[in-house]
All heavy atoms as atom14 arrays in JSON, in Angstrom:
{
  "sequence": "RGLLDADVVFPVLHGPFGEDGTVQGLLELLDVP",
  "atom14_mask": [
    [1, 1, 1, 1, 1, 1, 1, 1, 1, 1, 1, 0, 0, 0],
    [1, 1, 1, 1, 0, 0, 0, 0, 0, 0, 0, 0, 0, 0],
    [1, 1, 1, 1, 1, 1, 1, 1, 0, 0, 0, 0, 0, 0],
    [1, 1, 1, 1, 1, 1, 1, 1, 0, 0, 0, 0, 0, 0],
    [1, 1, 1, 1, 1, 1, 1, 1, 0, 0, 0, 0, 0, 0],
    [1, 1, 1, 1, 1, 0, 0, 0, 0, 0, 0, 0, 0, 0],
    [1, 1, 1, 1, 1, 1, 1, 1, 0, 0, 0, 0, 0, 0],
    [1, 1, 1, 1, 1, 1, 1, 0, 0, 0, 0, 0, 0, 0],
    [1, 1, 1, 1, 1, 1, 1, 0, 0, 0, 0, 0, 0, 0],
    [1, 1, 1, 1, 1, 1, 1, 1, 1, 1, 1, 0, 0, 0],
    [1, 1, 1, 1, 1, 1, 1, 0, 0, 0, 0, 0, 0, 0],
    [1, 1, 1, 1, 1, 1, 1, 0, 0, 0, 0, 0, 0, 0],
    [1, 1, 1, 1, 1, 1, 1, 1, 0, 0, 0, 0, 0, 0],
    [1, 1, 1, 1, 1, 1, 1, 1, 1, 1, 0, 0, 0, 0],
    [1, 1, 1, 1, 0, 0, 0, 0, 0, 0, 0, 0, 0, 0],
    [1, 1, 1, 1, 1, 1, 1, 0, 0, 0, 0, 0, 0, 0],
    [1, 1, 1, 1, 1, 1, 1, 1, 1, 1, 1, 0, 0, 0],
    [1, 1, 1, 1, 0, 0, 0, 0, 0, 0, 0, 0, 0, 0],
    [1, 1, 1, 1, 1, 1, 1, 1, 1, 0, 0, 0, 0, 0],
    [1, 1, 1, 1, 1, 1, 1, 1, 0, 0, 0, 0, 0, 0],
    [1, 1, 1, 1, 0, 0, 0, 0, 0, 0, 0, 0, 0, 0],
    [1, 1, 1, 1, 1, 1, 1, 0, 0, 0, 0, 0, 0, 0],
    [1, 1, 1, 1, 1, 1, 1, 0, 0, 0, 0, 0, 0, 0],
    [1, 1, 1, 1, 1, 1, 1, 1, 1, 0, 0, 0, 0, 0],
    [1, 1, 1, 1, 0, 0, 0, 0, 0, 0, 0, 0, 0, 0],
    [1, 1, 1, 1, 1, 1, 1, 1, 0, 0, 0, 0, 0, 0],
    [1, 1, 1, 1, 1, 1, 1, 1, 0, 0, 0, 0, 0, 0],
    [1, 1, 1, 1, 1, 1, 1, 1, 1, 0, 0, 0, 0, 0],
    [1, 1, 1, 1, 1, 1, 1, 1, 0, 0, 0, 0, 0, 0],
    [1, 1, 1, 1, 1, 1, 1, 1, 0, 0, 0, 0, 0, 0],
    [1, 1, 1, 1, 1, 1, 1, 1, 0, 0, 0, 0, 0, 0],
    [1, 1, 1, 1, 1, 1, 1, 0, 0, 0, 0, 0, 0, 0],
    [1, 1, 1, 1, 1, 1, 1, 0, 0, 0, 0, 0, 0, 0]
  ],
  "atom14_positions": [
    [[-15.98, 3.57, 8.78], [-15.22, 4.35, 9.76], [-14.07, 5.14, 9.14], [-13.25, 5.69, 9.86], [-14.68, 3.44, 10.85], [-15.74, 2.67, 11.63], [-16.74, 3.61, 12.28], [-17.66, 2.87, 13.16], [-18.75, 3.4, 13.68], [-19.07, 4.66, 13.39], [-19.53, 2.68, 14.46], [0.0, 0.0, 0.0], [0.0, 0.0, 0.0], [0.0, 0.0, 0.0]],
    [[-13.98, 5.17, 7.8], [-12.91, 5.93, 7.18], [-11.57, 5.23, 7.34], [-11.49, 4.04, 7.67], [0.0, 0.0, 0.0], [0.0, 0.0, 0.0], [0.0, 0.0, 0.0], [0.0, 0.0, 0.0], [0.0, 0.0, 0.0], [0.0, 0.0, 0.0], [0.0, 0.0, 0.0], [0.0, 0.0, 0.0], [0.0, 0.0, 0.0], [0.0, 0.0, 0.0]],
    [[-10.49, 5.99, 7.13], [-9.14, 5.44, 7.22], [-8.21, 6.46, 7.83], [-7.89, 7.49, 7.22], [-8.64, 5.03, 5.82], [-7.25, 4.42, 5.75], [-7.17, 3.12, 6.54], [-6.84, 4.18, 4.3], [0.0, 0.0, 0.0], [0.0, 0.0, 0.0], [0.0, 0.0, 0.0], [0.0, 0.0, 0.0], [0.0, 0.0, 0.0], [0.0, 0.0, 0.0]],
    [[-7.82, 6.24, 9.07], [-6.85, 7.08, 9.77], [-7.24, 8.56, 9.75], [-6.38, 9.44, 9.61], [-5.45, 6.9, 9.16], [-4.83, 5.5, 9.31], [-3.54, 5.39, 8.53], [-4.59, 5.18, 10.79], [0.0, 0.0, 0.0], [0.0, 0.0, 0.0], [0.0, 0.0, 0.0], [0.0, 0.0, 0.0], [0.0, 0.0, 0.0], [0.0, 0.0, 0.0]],
    [[-8.53, 8.82, 9.87], [-9.06, 10.19, 9.9], [-8.71, 10.99, 8.65], [-8.58, 12.22, 8.69], [-8.56, 10.94, 11.14], [-9.08, 10.32, 12.43], [-10.25, 9.91, 12.46], [-8.29, 10.24, 13.39], [0.0, 0.0, 0.0], [0.0, 0.0, 0.0], [0.0, 0.0, 0.0], [0.0, 0.0, 0.0], [0.0, 0.0, 0.0], [0.0, 0.0, 0.0]],
    [[-8.57, 10.31, 7.52], [-8.19, 10.98, 6.28], [-9.34, 11.81, 5.72], [-10.51, 11.4, 5.78], [-7.76, 9.96, 5.23], [0.0, 0.0, 0.0], [0.0, 0.0, 0.0], [0.0, 0.0, 0.0], [0.0, 0.0, 0.0], [0.0, 0.0, 0.0], [0.0, 0.0, 0.0], [0.0, 0.0, 0.0], [0.0, 0.0, 0.0], [0.0, 0.0, 0.0]],
    [[-8.99, 12.96, 5.16], [-9.95, 13.72, 4.36], [-10.1, 13.1, 2.98], [-11.15, 13.19, 2.35], [-9.49, 15.17, 4.21], [-9.46, 15.89, 5.55], [-10.5, 15.9, 6.24], [-8.4, 16.45, 5.9], [0.0, 0.0, 0.0], [0.0, 0.0, 0.0], [0.0, 0.0, 0.0], [0.0, 0.0, 0.0], [0.0, 0.0, 0.0], [0.0, 0.0, 0.0]],
    [[-9.03, 12.47, 2.51], [-9.04, 11.81, 1.21], [-7.91, 10.79, 1.19], [-6.88, 10.97, 1.86], [-8.88, 12.84, 0.06], [-7.56, 13.58, 0.15], [-9.04, 12.2, -1.31], [0.0, 0.0, 0.0], [0.0, 0.0, 0.0], [0.0, 0.0, 0.0], [0.0, 0.0, 0.0], [0.0, 0.0, 0.0], [0.0, 0.0, 0.0], [0.0, 0.0, 0.0]],
    [[-8.11, 9.71, 0.44], [-7.08, 8.68, 0.27], [-6.56, 8.76, -1.16], [-7.34, 8.92, -2.11], [-7.65, 7.27, 0.54], [-6.62, 6.19, 0.25], [-8.14, 7.18, 1.99], [0.0, 0.0, 0.0], [0.0, 0.0, 0.0], [0.0, 0.0, 0.0], [0.0, 0.0, 0.0], [0.0, 0.0, 0.0], [0.0, 0.0, 0.0], [0.0, 0.0, 0.0]],
    [[-5.24, 8.65, -1.31], [-4.61, 8.7, -2.63], [-3.96, 7.34, -2.88], [-2.84, 7.08, -2.46], [-3.55, 9.8, -2.67], [-3.18, 10.28, -4.04], [-3.12, 11.64, -4.32], [-2.86, 9.39, -5.06], [-2.78, 12.11, -5.58], [-2.52, 9.84, -6.32], [-2.47, 11.2, -6.59], [0.0, 0.0, 0.0], [0.0, 0.0, 0.0], [0.0, 0.0, 0.0]],
    [[-4.68, 6.4, -3.55], [-4.07, 5.1, -3.85], [-3.05, 5.26, -4.98], [-3.35, 5.81, -6.03], [-5.25, 4.24, -4.29], [-6.31, 5.19, -4.72], [-6.06, 6.5, -4.04], [0.0, 0.0, 0.0], [0.0, 0.0, 0.0], [0.0, 0.0, 0.0], [0.0, 0.0, 0.0], [0.0, 0.0, 0.0], [0.0, 0.0, 0.0], [0.0, 0.0, 0.0]],
    [[-1.83, 4.81, -4.73], [-0.79, 4.84, -5.76], [-0.35, 3.4, -5.97], [0.8, 3.02, -5.72], [0.39, 5.74, -5.33], [1.25, 6.06, -6.55], [-0.1, 7.03, -4.7], [0.0, 0.0, 0.0], [0.0, 0.0, 0.0], [0.0, 0.0, 0.0], [0.0, 0.0, 0.0], [0.0, 0.0, 0.0], [0.0, 0.0, 0.0], [0.0, 0.0, 0.0]],
    [[-1.28, 2.57, -6.4], [-1.1, 1.13, -6.53], [-1.23, 0.75, -8.0], [-2.06, 1.3, -8.73], [-2.15, 0.4, -5.71], [-2.2, 0.79, -4.22], [-3.48, 0.29, -3.59], [-0.97, 0.24, -3.49], [0.0, 0.0, 0.0], [0.0, 0.0, 0.0], [0.0, 0.0, 0.0], [0.0, 0.0, 0.0], [0.0, 0.0, 0.0], [0.0, 0.0, 0.0]],
    [[-0.41, -0.19, -8.43], [-0.4, -0.59, -9.83], [-0.71, -2.08, -9.95], [-0.29, -2.88, -9.11], [0.97, -0.31, -10.46], [1.48, 1.09, -10.21], [0.69, 2.21, -10.41], [2.69, 1.54, -9.8], [1.41, 3.29, -10.13], [2.61, 2.91, -9.75], [0.0, 0.0, 0.0], [0.0, 0.0, 0.0], [0.0, 0.0, 0.0], [0.0, 0.0, 0.0]],
    [[-1.43, -2.43, -11.01], [-1.69, -3.84, -11.28], [-2.83, -4.41, -10.46], [-3.62, -3.69, -9.83], [0.0, 0.0, 0.0], [0.0, 0.0, 0.0], [0.0, 0.0, 0.0], [0.0, 0.0, 0.0], [0.0, 0.0, 0.0], [0.0, 0.0, 0.0], [0.0, 0.0, 0.0], [0.0, 0.0, 0.0], [0.0, 0.0, 0.0], [0.0, 0.0, 0.0]],
    [[-2.97, -5.75, -10.44], [-4.04, -6.41, -9.7], [-4.01, -6.04, -8.22], [-2.96, -5.78, -7.64], [-3.74, -7.91, -9.9], [-2.94, -7.96, -11.17], [-2.13, -6.71, -11.19], [0.0, 0.0, 0.0], [0.0, 0.0, 0.0], [0.0, 0.0, 0.0], [0.0, 0.0, 0.0], [0.0, 0.0, 0.0], [0.0, 0.0, 0.0], [0.0, 0.0, 0.0]],
    [[-5.19, -6.01, -7.61], [-5.39, -5.65, -6.2], [-5.03, -4.19, -5.93], [-4.8, -3.82, -4.78], [-4.58, -6.58, -5.27], [-4.75, -8.03, -5.56], [-3.73, -8.76, -6.16], [-5.93, -8.68, -5.26], [-3.89, -10.11, -6.46], [-6.1, -10.02, -5.54], [-5.08, -10.74, -6.14], [0.0, 0.0, 0.0], [0.0, 0.0, 0.0], [0.0, 0.0, 0.0]],
    [[-4.97, -3.37, -6.98], [-4.64, -1.98, -6.78], [-5.39, -1.04, -7.7], [-5.99, -0.08, -7.25], [0.0, 0.0, 0.0], [0.0, 0.0, 0.0], [0.0, 0.0, 0.0], [0.0, 0.0, 0.0], [0.0, 0.0, 0.0], [0.0, 0.0, 0.0], [0.0, 0.0, 0.0], [0.0, 0.0, 0.0], [0.0, 0.0, 0.0], [0.0, 0.0, 0.0]],
    [[-5.35, -1.34, -9.0], [-6.04, -0.47, -9.95], [-7.16, -1.18, -10.69], [-7.66, -0.7, -11.7], [-5.04, 0.12, -10.96], [-4.29, -0.89, -11.81], [-3.31, -0.24, -12.77], [-3.75, 0.62, -13.56], [-2.11, -0.58, -12.72], [0.0, 0.0, 0.0], [0.0, 0.0, 0.0], [0.0, 0.0, 0.0], [0.0, 0.0, 0.0], [0.0, 0.0, 0.0]],
    [[-7.57, -2.34, -10.18], [-8.58, -3.15, -10.88], [-9.96, -3.07, -10.24], [-10.84, -3.84, -10.59], [-8.12, -4.61, -10.93], [-7.87, -5.21, -9.55], [-7.99, -4.47, -8.55], [-7.55, -6.41, -9.48], [0.0, 0.0, 0.0], [0.0, 0.0, 0.0], [0.0, 0.0, 0.0], [0.0, 0.0, 0.0], [0.0, 0.0, 0.0], [0.0, 0.0, 0.0]],
    [[-10.15, -2.14, -9.3], [-11.45, -2.0, -8.66], [-11.53, -2.62, -7.28], [-12.48, -2.34, -6.54], [0.0, 0.0, 0.0], [0.0, 0.0, 0.0], [0.0, 0.0, 0.0], [0.0, 0.0, 0.0], [0.0, 0.0, 0.0], [0.0, 0.0, 0.0], [0.0, 0.0, 0.0], [0.0, 0.0, 0.0], [0.0, 0.0, 0.0], [0.0, 0.0, 0.0]],
    [[-10.56, -3.46, -6.91], [-10.63, -4.14, -5.62], [-10.4, -3.16, -4.46], [-11.2, -3.09, -3.53], [-9.62, -5.29, -5.55], [-8.33, -4.81, -5.95], [-10.02, -6.42, -6.49], [0.0, 0.0, 0.0], [0.0, 0.0, 0.0], [0.0, 0.0, 0.0], [0.0, 0.0, 0.0], [0.0, 0.0, 0.0], [0.0, 0.0, 0.0], [0.0, 0.0, 0.0]],
    [[-9.31, -2.41, -4.5], [-9.05, -1.42, -3.46], [-10.11, -0.33, -3.49], [-10.55, 0.17, -2.44], [-7.63, -0.83, -3.6], [-7.47, 0.45, -2.81], [-6.6, -1.85, -3.14], [0.0, 0.0, 0.0], [0.0, 0.0, 0.0], [0.0, 0.0, 0.0], [0.0, 0.0, 0.0], [0.0, 0.0, 0.0], [0.0, 0.0, 0.0], [0.0, 0.0, 0.0]],
    [[-10.54, 0.03, -4.68], [-11.58, 1.06, -4.8], [-12.87, 0.61, -4.1], [-13.53, 1.41, -3.41], [-11.85, 1.36, -6.28], [-10.73, 2.1, -6.99], [-9.5, 1.25, -7.3], [-9.56, 0.01, -7.26], [-8.39, 1.9, -7.59], [0.0, 0.0, 0.0], [0.0, 0.0, 0.0], [0.0, 0.0, 0.0], [0.0, 0.0, 0.0], [0.0, 0.0, 0.0]],
    [[-13.22, -0.65, -4.24], [-14.39, -1.17, -3.54], [-14.22, -1.14, -2.03], [-15.17, -0.82, -1.29], [0.0, 0.0, 0.0], [0.0, 0.0, 0.0], [0.0, 0.0, 0.0], [0.0, 0.0, 0.0], [0.0, 0.0, 0.0], [0.0, 0.0, 0.0], [0.0, 0.0, 0.0], [0.0, 0.0, 0.0], [0.0, 0.0, 0.0], [0.0, 0.0, 0.0]],
    [[-13.02, -1.46, -1.57], [-12.76, -1.41, -0.14], [-12.86, 0.01, 0.39], [-13.45, 0.26, 1.46], [-11.37, -1.98, 0.15], [-10.89, -1.94, 1.6], [-11.89, -2.61, 2.53], [-9.53, -2.61, 1.72], [0.0, 0.0, 0.0], [0.0, 0.0, 0.0], [0.0, 0.0, 0.0], [0.0, 0.0, 0.0], [0.0, 0.0, 0.0], [0.0, 0.0, 0.0]],
    [[-12.33, 0.97, -0.36], [-12.42, 2.37, 0.07], [-13.86, 2.86, 0.07], [-14.25, 3.69, 0.91], [-11.53, 3.25, -0.82], [-10.03, 2.96, -0.7], [-9.25, 3.74, -1.77], [-9.5, 3.27, 0.69], [0.0, 0.0, 0.0], [0.0, 0.0, 0.0], [0.0, 0.0, 0.0], [0.0, 0.0, 0.0], [0.0, 0.0, 0.0], [0.0, 0.0, 0.0]],
    [[-14.67, 2.34, -0.86], [-16.11, 2.68, -0.83], [-16.74, 2.17, 0.46], [-17.54, 2.88, 1.09], [-16.81, 2.04, -2.04], [-16.42, 2.6, -3.39], [-17.14, 3.88, -3.73], [-18.07, 4.28, -3.0], [-16.77, 4.51, -4.75], [0.0, 0.0, 0.0], [0.0, 0.0, 0.0], [0.0, 0.0, 0.0], [0.0, 0.0, 0.0], [0.0, 0.0, 0.0]],
    [[-16.39, 0.96, 0.87], [-16.95, 0.4, 2.1], [-16.46, 1.16, 3.34], [-17.2, 1.3, 4.32], [-16.58, -1.08, 2.22], [-17.23, -2.01, 1.19], [-16.71, -3.42, 1.34], [-18.75, -1.99, 1.32], [0.0, 0.0, 0.0], [0.0, 0.0, 0.0], [0.0, 0.0, 0.0], [0.0, 0.0, 0.0], [0.0, 0.0, 0.0], [0.0, 0.0, 0.0]],
    [[-15.22, 1.64, 3.3], [-14.71, 2.45, 4.41], [-15.39, 3.81, 4.46], [-15.36, 4.49, 5.48], [-13.2, 2.63, 4.29], [-12.35, 1.36, 4.45], [-10.88, 1.69, 4.23], [-12.56, 0.73, 5.82], [0.0, 0.0, 0.0], [0.0, 0.0, 0.0], [0.0, 0.0, 0.0], [0.0, 0.0, 0.0], [0.0, 0.0, 0.0], [0.0, 0.0, 0.0]],
    [[-15.99, 4.22, 3.33], [-16.73, 5.48, 3.22], [-15.78, 6.68, 3.33], [-15.97, 7.58, 4.15], [-17.84, 5.58, 4.27], [-18.89, 6.63, 3.89], [-19.13, 6.81, 2.69], [-19.45, 7.27, 4.81], [0.0, 0.0, 0.0], [0.0, 0.0, 0.0], [0.0, 0.0, 0.0], [0.0, 0.0, 0.0], [0.0, 0.0, 0.0], [0.0, 0.0, 0.0]],
    [[-14.77, 6.68, 2.46], [-13.79, 7.75, 2.45], [-13.56, 8.19, 1.0], [-13.55, 7.36, 0.1], [-12.47, 7.27, 3.11], [-11.86, 6.1, 2.34], [-11.47, 8.4, 3.24], [0.0, 0.0, 0.0], [0.0, 0.0, 0.0], [0.0, 0.0, 0.0], [0.0, 0.0, 0.0], [0.0, 0.0, 0.0], [0.0, 0.0, 0.0], [0.0, 0.0, 0.0]],
    [[-13.39, 9.5, 0.75], [-13.06, 9.94, -0.61], [-11.72, 9.37, -1.04], [-10.8, 9.21, -0.21], [-12.98, 11.46, -0.48], [-13.71, 11.8, 0.78], [-13.53, 10.63, 1.68], [0.0, 0.0, 0.0], [0.0, 0.0, 0.0], [0.0, 0.0, 0.0], [0.0, 0.0, 0.0], [0.0, 0.0, 0.0], [0.0, 0.0, 0.0], [0.0, 0.0, 0.0]]
  ]
}
């Protein structure tokens, strides 16, 4: 269902749970660029 009607998400997260693939996997499941 995407995230807040975003055209694209810009993660600005550092370290574990941010740049290690975890958030990226969640964004893939949300189906949002």
